[in-house]
Amino acid sequence: MTQMSNYALRLQASLLNELRRVAKEEGTSINQFINIAVAEKLAALRTERYFRERMKRARPEDFIAILEKAGTDITVEGDELPVD
């Protein structure tokens, strides 16, 4: 089972009111909403860190070589966007 811990969180009244409203609309508790929001933010920060590290190892000449291999066709038959 996952270990839980408590943390007293202070929010501006306007944020808390909005949080209550949105959590209710989403059909979840404020606690669960905050857990998901924190998890999403951490994932975004980890992803950014990952790409920054990858960028440091990148070689511009390899990038150019990949771009040069790309086709020049605008679309491939069957790949068109649907027309509404």
Protein backbone atom coordinates (compact mmCIF):
# COMPACT_ATOMS: atom_id res chain seq x y z
CA MET A 1 0.00 0.00 0.00
CA THR A 2 1.17 3.52 -0.74
CA GLN A 3 2.37 5.48 2.25
CA MET A 4 0.51 8.75 2.69
CA SER A 5 1.61 11.87 4.48
CA ASN A 6 -0.04 15.16 5.31
CA TYR A 7 0.97 18.66 4.35
CA ALA A 8 -0.83 21.83 5.39
CA LEU A 9 -1.43 23.84 2.24
CA ARG A 10 -2.29 27.53 2.27
CA LEU A 11 -4.14 28.81 -0.78
CA GLN A 12 -5.48 32.21 -1.65
CA ALA A 13 -9.23 32.31 -1.07
CA SER A 14 -9.92 32.86 -4.77
CA LEU A 15 -7.83 29.82 -5.74
CA LEU A 16 -9.49 27.65 -3.13
CA ASN A 17 -12.95 28.69 -4.31
CA GLU A 18 -12.03 27.89 -7.91
CA LEU A 19 -10.46 24.60 -6.82
CA ARG A 20 -13.64 23.60 -4.99
CA ARG A 21 -15.74 24.43 -8.04
CA VAL A 22 -13.56 22.58 -10.54
CA ALA A 23 -13.06 19.53 -8.32
CA LYS A 24 -16.83 19.27 -7.93
CA GLU A 25 -17.30 19.59 -11.71
CA GLU A 26 -14.70 16.86 -12.23
CA GLY A 27 -16.41 14.64 -9.66
CA THR A 28 -13.32 14.29 -7.50
CA SER A 29 -12.13 15.41 -4.11
CA ILE A 30 -9.93 18.45 -3.60
CA ASN A 31 -7.23 16.14 -2.25
CA GLN A 32 -7.29 13.92 -5.35
CA PHE A 33 -7.35 16.95 -7.65
CA ILE A 34 -4.27 18.41 -5.95
CA ASN A 35 -2.48 15.03 -6.09
CA ILE A 36 -3.11 14.78 -9.82
CA ALA A 37 -2.09 18.40 -10.43
CA VAL A 38 1.19 17.91 -8.55
CA ALA A 39 1.87 14.65 -10.42
CA GLU A 40 1.27 16.38 -13.77
CA LYS A 41 3.58 19.27 -12.88
CA LEU A 42 6.32 16.90 -11.74
CA ALA A 43 5.99 14.91 -14.96
CA ALA A 44 6.27 18.10 -17.02
CA LEU A 45 9.39 19.18 -15.13
CA ARG A 46 10.98 15.73 -15.51
CA THR A 47 10.22 15.78 -19.23
CA GLU A 48 11.77 19.22 -19.63
CA ARG A 49 14.87 18.07 -17.73
CA TYR A 50 15.11 14.96 -19.92
CA PHE A 51 15.01 16.97 -23.14
CA ARG A 52 17.49 19.53 -21.84
CA GLU A 53 19.92 16.70 -21.05
CA ARG A 54 19.34 15.17 -24.48
CA MET A 55 19.89 18.56 -26.09
CA LYS A 56 23.33 18.82 -24.46
CA ARG A 57 24.35 15.57 -26.16
CA ALA A 58 22.86 16.49 -29.54
CA ARG A 59 25.05 16.98 -32.55
CA PRO A 60 23.74 19.61 -35.00
CA GLU A 61 25.26 17.79 -37.97
CA ASP A 62 23.19 14.68 -37.13
CA PHE A 63 20.04 16.80 -36.98
CA ILE A 64 20.79 18.34 -40.38
CA ALA A 65 21.44 14.88 -41.84
CA ILE A 66 18.03 13.68 -40.65
CA LEU A 67 16.31 16.74 -42.10
CA GLU A 68 18.05 16.20 -45.43
CA LYS A 69 16.62 12.66 -45.60
CA ALA A 70 13.08 13.95 -45.17
CA GLY A 71 10.91 13.79 -48.24
CA THR A 72 9.74 16.85 -50.09
CA ASP A 73 6.21 15.60 -50.80
CA ILE A 74 3.62 17.81 -49.18
CA THR A 75 1.19 14.96 -48.51
CA VAL A 76 1.09 11.24 -49.07
CA GLU A 77 -2.09 9.84 -50.55
CA GLY A 78 -4.40 8.83 -47.71
CA ASP A 79 -2.62 11.15 -45.27
CA GLU A 80 -4.75 14.21 -46.03
CA LEU A 81 -6.58 16.03 -43.26
CA PRO A 82 -10.34 15.47 -43.31
CA VAL A 83 -12.36 18.27 -44.86
CA ASP A 84 -15.41 19.23 -42.80
